[in-house]
Amino acid sequence: MKVLYFAELKEILGTDSENIDLSYDITVKDFITNLFKKHPSIQEKQFQIAVNEEFVQSDDVVRPNDIVALIPPVSGG
């Protein structure tokens, strides 16, 4: 699966994307748990998750060929 990072997450991790080897379906909640184990520096950050350009809930499923985007809240004015 390809994971895309935006804004603050991109800066913290020093990359805008990475490939994660996943050979089975996983819930969004489990994906987040595994991601925080791999990248504890973003554990306290707020973000929404989109899978294949659609926002998802924690019980939705991520599949091995999906594109997952982590999108922090946008402030404006």
PDB file of N, CA and C in Angstrom:
ATOM      1  N   MET A   1       0.844  -1.156   0.000  1.00  0.00           N
ATOM      2  CA  MET A   1       0.000   0.000   0.000  1.00  0.00           C
ATOM      3  C   MET A   1       0.893   1.223   0.000  1.00  0.00           C
ATOM      4  N   LYS A   2       0.408   2.267  -0.610  1.00  0.00           N
ATOM      5  CA  LYS A   2       1.141   3.521  -0.611  1.00  0.00           C
ATOM      6  C   LYS A   2       0.488   4.451   0.409  1.00  0.00           C
ATOM      7  N   VAL A   3       1.324   5.069   1.253  1.00  0.00           N
ATOM      8  CA  VAL A   3       0.836   5.994   2.267  1.00  0.00           C
ATOM      9  C   VAL A   3       1.382   7.375   1.944  1.00  0.00           C
ATOM     10  N   LEU A   4       0.487   8.361   1.863  1.00  0.00           N
ATOM     11  CA  LEU A   4       0.865   9.737   1.554  1.00  0.00           C
ATOM     12  C   LEU A   4       0.743  10.586   2.814  1.00  0.00           C
ATOM     13  N   TYR A   5       1.752  11.416   3.055  1.00  0.00           N
ATOM     14  CA  TYR A   5       1.763  12.302   4.222  1.00  0.00           C
ATOM     15  C   TYR A   5       1.702  13.750   3.752  1.00  0.00           C
ATOM     16  N   PHE A   6       0.928  14.559   4.463  1.00  0.00           N
ATOM     17  CA  PHE A   6       0.765  15.956   4.088  1.00  0.00           C
ATOM     18  C   PHE A   6       1.088  16.877   5.262  1.00  0.00           C
ATOM     19  N   ALA A   7       1.437  18.110   4.927  1.00  0.00           N
ATOM     20  CA  ALA A   7       1.627  19.209   5.868  1.00  0.00           C
ATOM     21  C   ALA A   7       2.579  18.820   7.005  1.00  0.00           C
ATOM     22  N   GLU A   8       2.135  18.994   8.249  1.00  0.00           N
ATOM     23  CA  GLU A   8       2.976  18.763   9.419  1.00  0.00           C
ATOM     24  C   GLU A   8       3.508  17.323   9.478  1.00  0.00           C
ATOM     25  N   LEU A   9       2.700  16.366   9.092  1.00  0.00           N
ATOM     26  CA  LEU A   9       3.146  14.970   9.126  1.00  0.00           C
ATOM     27  C   LEU A   9       4.312  14.751   8.167  1.00  0.00           C
ATOM     28  N   LYS A  10       4.231  15.367   7.018  1.00  0.00           N
ATOM     29  CA  LYS A  10       5.303  15.284   6.021  1.00  0.00           C
ATOM     30  C   LYS A  10       6.602  15.858   6.589  1.00  0.00           C
ATOM     31  N   GLU A  11       6.496  16.977   7.288  1.00  0.00           N
ATOM     32  CA  GLU A  11       7.679  17.611   7.875  1.00  0.00           C
ATOM     33  C   GLU A  11       8.269  16.759   8.989  1.00  0.00           C
ATOM     34  N   ILE A  12       7.440  16.230   9.856  1.00  0.00           N
ATOM     35  CA  ILE A  12       7.917  15.412  10.980  1.00  0.00           C
ATOM     36  C   ILE A  12       8.629  14.157  10.479  1.00  0.00           C
ATOM     37  N   LEU A  13       8.042  13.501   9.492  1.00  0.00           N
ATOM     38  CA  LEU A  13       8.595  12.230   9.002  1.00  0.00           C
ATOM     39  C   LEU A  13       9.696  12.415   7.966  1.00  0.00           C
ATOM     40  N   GLY A  14       9.793  13.623   7.398  1.00  0.00           N
ATOM     41  CA  GLY A  14      10.835  13.879   6.415  1.00  0.00           C
ATOM     42  C   GLY A  14      10.583  13.225   5.071  1.00  0.00           C
ATOM     43  N   THR A  15       9.338  12.881   4.801  1.00  0.00           N
ATOM     44  CA  THR A  15       8.981  12.275   3.514  1.00  0.00           C
ATOM     45  C   THR A  15       7.515  12.562   3.214  1.00  0.00           C
ATOM     46  N   ASP A  16       7.169  12.562   1.943  1.00  0.00           N
ATOM     47  CA  ASP A  16       5.771  12.786   1.589  1.00  0.00           C
ATOM     48  C   ASP A  16       5.030  11.485   1.304  1.00  0.00           C
ATOM     49  N   SER A  17       5.780  10.360   1.262  1.00  0.00           N
ATOM     50  CA  SER A  17       5.111   9.079   1.019  1.00  0.00           C
ATOM     51  C   SER A  17       6.030   7.921   1.389  1.00  0.00           C
ATOM     52  N   GLU A  18       5.422   6.767   1.537  1.00  0.00           N
ATOM     53  CA  GLU A  18       6.179   5.533   1.722  1.00  0.00           C
ATOM     54  C   GLU A  18       5.306   4.364   1.299  1.00  0.00           C
ATOM     55  N   ASN A  19       5.953   3.283   0.951  1.00  0.00           N
ATOM     56  CA  ASN A  19       5.238   2.051   0.639  1.00  0.00           C
ATOM     57  C   ASN A  19       5.323   1.126   1.842  1.00  0.00           C
ATOM     58  N   ILE A  20       4.176   0.594   2.236  1.00  0.00           N
ATOM     59  CA  ILE A  20       4.124  -0.354   3.348  1.00  0.00           C
ATOM     60  C   ILE A  20       3.673  -1.688   2.777  1.00  0.00           C
ATOM     61  N   ASP A  21       4.475  -2.700   3.051  1.00  0.00           N
ATOM     62  CA  ASP A  21       4.173  -4.042   2.543  1.00  0.00           C
ATOM     63  C   ASP A  21       3.027  -4.633   3.349  1.00  0.00           C
ATOM     64  N   LEU A  22       1.911  -4.827   2.693  1.00  0.00           N
ATOM     65  CA  LEU A  22       0.733  -5.377   3.348  1.00  0.00           C
ATOM     66  C   LEU A  22       0.139  -6.428   2.410  1.00  0.00           C
ATOM     67  N   SER A  23       0.021  -7.636   2.905  1.00  0.00           N
ATOM     68  CA  SER A  23      -0.464  -8.718   2.051  1.00  0.00           C
ATOM     69  C   SER A  23      -1.862  -9.179   2.428  1.00  0.00           C
ATOM     70  N   TYR A  24      -2.548  -8.381   3.254  1.00  0.00           N
ATOM     71  CA  TYR A  24      -3.889  -8.773   3.695  1.00  0.00           C
ATOM     72  C   TYR A  24      -4.697  -7.511   3.995  1.00  0.00           C
ATOM     73  N   ASP A  25      -6.000  -7.644   4.048  1.00  0.00           N
ATOM     74  CA  ASP A  25      -6.872  -6.522   4.392  1.00  0.00           C
ATOM     75  C   ASP A  25      -6.731  -6.213   5.879  1.00  0.00           C
ATOM     76  N   ILE A  26      -6.892  -4.940   6.224  1.00  0.00           N
ATOM     77  CA  ILE A  26      -6.745  -4.495   7.605  1.00  0.00           C
ATOM     78  C   ILE A  26      -7.733  -3.361   7.853  1.00  0.00           C
ATOM     79  N   THR A  27      -8.239  -3.248   9.064  1.00  0.00           N
ATOM     80  CA  THR A  27      -9.138  -2.126   9.350  1.00  0.00           C
ATOM     81  C   THR A  27      -8.309  -0.850   9.473  1.00  0.00           C
ATOM     82  N   VAL A  28      -8.964   0.274   9.285  1.00  0.00           N
ATOM     83  CA  VAL A  28      -8.297   1.558   9.425  1.00  0.00           C
ATOM     84  C   VAL A  28      -7.742   1.688  10.846  1.00  0.00           C
ATOM     85  N   LYS A  29      -8.499   1.244  11.830  1.00  0.00           N
ATOM     86  CA  LYS A  29      -8.043   1.308  13.224  1.00  0.00           C
ATOM     87  C   LYS A  29      -6.743   0.532  13.408  1.00  0.00           C
ATOM     88  N   ASP A  30      -6.659  -0.684  12.863  1.00  0.00           N
ATOM     89  CA  ASP A  30      -5.439  -1.484  12.970  1.00  0.00           C
ATOM     90  C   ASP A  30      -4.297  -0.862  12.177  1.00  0.00           C
ATOM     91  N   PHE A  31      -4.618  -0.268  11.044  1.00  0.00           N
ATOM     92  CA  PHE A  31      -3.600   0.436  10.256  1.00  0.00           C
ATOM     93  C   PHE A  31      -2.975   1.548  11.093  1.00  0.00           C
ATOM     94  N   ILE A  32      -3.814   2.347  11.767  1.00  0.00           N
ATOM     95  CA  ILE A  32      -3.322   3.451  12.587  1.00  0.00           C
ATOM     96  C   ILE A  32      -2.456   2.920  13.735  1.00  0.00           C
ATOM     97  N   THR A  33      -2.899   1.860  14.383  1.00  0.00           N
ATOM     98  CA  THR A  33      -2.116   1.263  15.466  1.00  0.00           C
ATOM     99  C   THR A  33      -0.730   0.865  14.974  1.00  0.00           C
ATOM    100  N   ASN A  34      -0.671   0.196  13.835  1.00  0.00           N
ATOM    101  CA  ASN A  34       0.611  -0.226  13.268  1.00  0.00           C
ATOM    102  C   ASN A  34       1.453   0.967  12.836  1.00  0.00           C
ATOM    103  N   LEU A  35       0.811   1.986  12.293  1.00  0.00           N
ATOM    104  CA  LEU A  35       1.530   3.176  11.852  1.00  0.00           C
ATOM    105  C   LEU A  35       2.175   3.884  13.046  1.00  0.00           C
ATOM    106  N   PHE A  36       1.461   3.975  14.166  1.00  0.00           N
ATOM    107  CA  PHE A  36       2.006   4.627  15.356  1.00  0.00           C
ATOM    108  C   PHE A  36       3.179   3.832  15.942  1.00  0.00           C
ATOM    109  N   LYS A  37       3.158   2.515  15.801  1.00  0.00           N
ATOM    110  CA  LYS A  37       4.303   1.706  16.240  1.00  0.00           C
ATOM    111  C   LYS A  37       5.520   2.017  15.383  1.00  0.00           C
ATOM    112  N   LYS A  38       5.289   2.200  14.092  1.00  0.00           N
ATOM    113  CA  LYS A  38       6.385   2.486  13.162  1.00  0.00           C
ATOM    114  C   LYS A  38       6.855   3.930  13.277  1.00  0.00           C
ATOM    115  N   HIS A  39       5.932   4.858  13.502  1.00  0.00           N
ATOM    116  CA  HIS A  39       6.241   6.293  13.562  1.00  0.00           C
ATOM    117  C   HIS A  39       5.656   6.911  14.839  1.00  0.00           C
ATOM    118  N   PRO A  40       6.245   6.624  16.000  1.00  0.00           N
ATOM    119  CA  PRO A  40       5.682   7.155  17.245  1.00  0.00           C
ATOM    120  C   PRO A  40       5.674   8.684  17.312  1.00  0.00           C
ATOM    121  N   SER A  41       6.483   9.343  16.509  1.00  0.00           N
ATOM    122  CA  SER A  41       6.550  10.804  16.531  1.00  0.00           C
ATOM    123  C   SER A  41       5.260  11.478  16.064  1.00  0.00           C
ATOM    124  N   ILE A  42       4.373  10.744  15.398  1.00  0.00           N
ATOM    125  CA  ILE A  42       3.108  11.353  14.941  1.00  0.00           C
ATOM    126  C   ILE A  42       1.910  10.886  15.767  1.00  0.00           C
ATOM    127  N   GLN A  43       2.164  10.148  16.823  1.00  0.00           N
ATOM    128  CA  GLN A  43       1.080   9.552  17.605  1.00  0.00           C
ATOM    129  C   GLN A  43       0.135  10.588  18.212  1.00  0.00           C
ATOM    130  N   GLU A  44       0.637  11.742  18.587  1.00  0.00           N
ATOM    131  CA  GLU A  44      -0.198  12.759  19.222  1.00  0.00           C
ATOM    132  C   GLU A  44      -0.810  13.740  18.214  1.00  0.00           C
ATOM    133  N   LYS A  45      -0.546  13.550  16.955  1.00  0.00           N
ATOM    134  CA  LYS A  45      -1.027  14.471  15.927  1.00  0.00           C
ATOM    135  C   LYS A  45      -2.442  14.118  15.489  1.00  0.00           C
ATOM    136  N   GLN A  46      -3.176  15.130  15.089  1.00  0.00           N
ATOM    137  CA  GLN A  46      -4.537  14.951  14.584  1.00  0.00           C
ATOM    138  C   GLN A  46      -4.498  14.888  13.057  1.00  0.00           C
ATOM    139  N   PHE A  47      -5.258  13.966  12.494  1.00  0.00           N
ATOM    140  CA  PHE A  47      -5.356  13.875  11.037  1.00  0.00           C
ATOM    141  C   PHE A  47      -6.559  13.034  10.661  1.00  0.00           C
ATOM    142  N   GLN A  48      -7.005  13.236   9.434  1.00  0.00           N
ATOM    143  CA  GLN A  48      -8.050  12.388   8.863  1.00  0.00           C
ATOM    144  C   GLN A  48      -7.380  11.423   7.904  1.00  0.00           C
ATOM    145  N   ILE A  49      -8.051  10.320   7.659  1.00  0.00           N
ATOM    146  CA  ILE A  49      -7.518   9.324   6.735  1.00  0.00           C
ATOM    147  C   ILE A  49      -8.457   9.185   5.550  1.00  0.00           C
ATOM    148  N   ALA A  50      -7.857   9.220   4.372  1.00  0.00           N
ATOM    149  CA  ALA A  50      -8.591   8.963   3.138  1.00  0.00           C
ATOM    150  C   ALA A  50      -7.977   7.727   2.476  1.00  0.00           C
ATOM    151  N   VAL A  51      -8.835   6.863   1.977  1.00  0.00           N
ATOM    152  CA  VAL A  51      -8.390   5.687   1.242  1.00  0.00           C
ATOM    153  C   VAL A  51      -8.930   5.828  -0.174  1.00  0.00           C
ATOM    154  N   ASN A  52      -8.008   5.828  -1.129  1.00  0.00           N
ATOM    155  CA  ASN A  52      -8.375   6.007  -2.538  1.00  0.00           C
ATOM    156  C   ASN A  52      -9.238   7.264  -2.718  1.00  0.00           C
ATOM    157  N   GLU A  53      -8.798   8.351  -2.066  1.00  0.00           N
ATOM    158  CA  GLU A  53      -9.387   9.684  -2.192  1.00  0.00           C
ATOM    159  C   GLU A  53     -10.770   9.834  -1.563  1.00  0.00           C
ATOM    160  N   GLU A  54     -11.131   8.929  -0.644  1.00  0.00           N
ATOM    161  CA  GLU A  54     -12.397   9.055   0.080  1.00  0.00           C
ATOM    162  C   GLU A  54     -12.128   8.910   1.571  1.00  0.00           C
ATOM    163  N   PHE A  55     -12.669   9.848   2.358  1.00  0.00           N
ATOM    164  CA  PHE A  55     -12.479   9.770   3.802  1.00  0.00           C
ATOM    165  C   PHE A  55     -13.143   8.510   4.347  1.00  0.00           C
ATOM    166  N   VAL A  56     -12.490   7.903   5.346  1.00  0.00           N
ATOM    167  CA  VAL A  56     -12.958   6.634   5.900  1.00  0.00           C
ATOM    168  C   VAL A  56     -13.111   6.728   7.414  1.00  0.00           C
ATOM    169  N   GLN A  57     -13.790   5.737   7.974  1.00  0.00           N
ATOM    170  CA  GLN A  57     -13.983   5.596   9.416  1.00  0.00           C
ATOM    171  C   GLN A  57     -13.056   4.484   9.923  1.00  0.00           C
ATOM    172  N   SER A  58     -12.924   4.374  11.237  1.00  0.00           N
ATOM    173  CA  SER A  58     -11.975   3.421  11.819  1.00  0.00           C
ATOM    174  C   SER A  58     -12.310   1.959  11.534  1.00  0.00           C
ATOM    175  N   ASP A  59     -13.580   1.665  11.247  1.00  0.00           N
ATOM    176  CA  ASP A  59     -13.941   0.268  10.975  1.00  0.00           C
ATOM    177  C   ASP A  59     -13.946  -0.075   9.485  1.00  0.00           C
ATOM    178  N   ASP A  60     -13.620   0.896   8.629  1.00  0.00           N
ATOM    179  CA  ASP A  60     -13.485   0.612   7.197  1.00  0.00           C
ATOM    180  C   ASP A  60     -12.218  -0.209   6.961  1.00  0.00           C
ATOM    181  N   VAL A  61     -12.109  -0.783   5.771  1.00  0.00           N
ATOM    182  CA  VAL A  61     -11.010  -1.701   5.460  1.00  0.00           C
ATOM    183  C   VAL A  61     -10.042  -1.068   4.471  1.00  0.00           C
ATOM    184  N   VAL A  62      -8.755  -1.312   4.729  1.00  0.00           N
ATOM    185  CA  VAL A  62      -7.681  -0.919   3.816  1.00  0.00           C
ATOM    186  C   VAL A  62      -7.147  -2.198   3.191  1.00  0.00           C
ATOM    187  N   ARG A  63      -6.992  -2.172   1.872  1.00  0.00           N
ATOM    188  CA  ARG A  63      -6.513  -3.348   1.142  1.00  0.00           C
ATOM    189  C   ARG A  63      -5.075  -3.116   0.648  1.00  0.00           C
ATOM    190  N   PRO A  64      -4.352  -4.179   0.349  1.00  0.00           N
ATOM    191  CA  PRO A  64      -2.938  -4.055  -0.010  1.00  0.00           C
ATOM    192  C   PRO A  64      -2.617  -3.078  -1.148  1.00  0.00           C
ATOM    193  N   ASN A  65      -3.502  -2.910  -2.119  1.00  0.00           N
ATOM    194  CA  ASN A  65      -3.201  -2.025  -3.253  1.00  0.00           C
ATOM    195  C   ASN A  65      -3.786  -0.628  -3.112  1.00  0.00           C
ATOM    196  N   ASP A  66      -4.311  -0.297  -1.943  1.00  0.00           N
ATOM    197  CA  ASP A  66      -4.923   1.010  -1.734  1.00  0.00           C
ATOM    198  C   ASP A  66      -3.874   2.108  -1.571  1.00  0.00           C
ATOM    199  N   ILE A  67      -4.332   3.340  -1.785  1.00  0.00           N
ATOM    200  CA  ILE A  67      -3.526   4.522  -1.491  1.00  0.00           C
ATOM    201  C   ILE A  67      -4.187   5.209  -0.294  1.00  0.00           C
ATOM    202  N   VAL A  68      -3.407   5.338   0.769  1.00  0.00           N
ATOM    203  CA  VAL A  68      -3.889   5.907   2.019  1.00  0.00           C
ATOM    204  C   VAL A  68      -3.262   7.276   2.208  1.00  0.00           C
ATOM    205  N   ALA A  69      -4.073   8.290   2.470  1.00  0.00           N
ATOM    206  CA  ALA A  69      -3.553   9.641   2.702  1.00  0.00           C
ATOM    207  C   ALA A  69      -3.871  10.067   4.130  1.00  0.00           C
ATOM    208  N   LEU A  70      -2.866  10.611   4.812  1.00  0.00           N
ATOM    209  CA  LEU A  70      -3.037  11.163   6.158  1.00  0.00           C
ATOM    210  C   LEU A  70      -3.061  12.677   6.016  1.00  0.00           C
ATOM    211  N   ILE A  71      -4.191  13.275   6.342  1.00  0.00           N
ATOM    212  CA  ILE A  71      -4.407  14.695   6.080  1.00  0.00           C
ATOM    213  C   ILE A  71      -4.695  15.426   7.388  1.00  0.00           C
ATOM    214  N   PRO A  72      -3.746  16.258   7.863  1.00  0.00           N
ATOM    215  CA  PRO A  72      -3.977  17.038   9.066  1.00  0.00           C
ATOM    216  C   PRO A  72      -5.049  18.099   8.829  1.00  0.00           C
ATOM    217  N   PRO A  73      -5.650  18.603   9.929  1.00  0.00           N
ATOM    218  CA  PRO A  73      -6.655  19.669   9.761  1.00  0.00           C
ATOM    219  C   PRO A  73      -6.007  20.900   9.127  1.00  0.00           C
ATOM    220  N   VAL A  74      -6.790  21.598   8.339  1.00  0.00           N
ATOM    221  CA  VAL A  74      -6.310  22.799   7.653  1.00  0.00           C
ATOM    222  C   VAL A  74      -6.865  24.012   8.365  1.00  0.00           C
ATOM    223  N   SER A  75      -5.989  24.930   8.731  1.00  0.00           N
ATOM    224  CA  SER A  75      -6.465  26.167   9.332  1.00  0.00           C
ATOM    225  C   SER A  75      -6.498  27.238   8.251  1.00  0.00           C
ATOM    226  N   GLY A  76      -7.419  28.134   8.384  1.00  0.00           N
ATOM    227  CA  GLY A  76      -7.538  29.183   7.371  1.00  0.00           C
ATOM    228  C   GLY A  76      -8.095  30.442   7.981  1.00  0.00           C
ATOM    229  N   GLY A  77      -8.162  31.434   7.183  1.00  0.00           N
ATOM    230  CA  GLY A  77      -8.689  32.657   7.708  1.00  0.00           C
ATOM    231  C   GLY A  77      -8.846  33.682   6.632  1.00  0.00           C
TER     232      GLY A  77
END
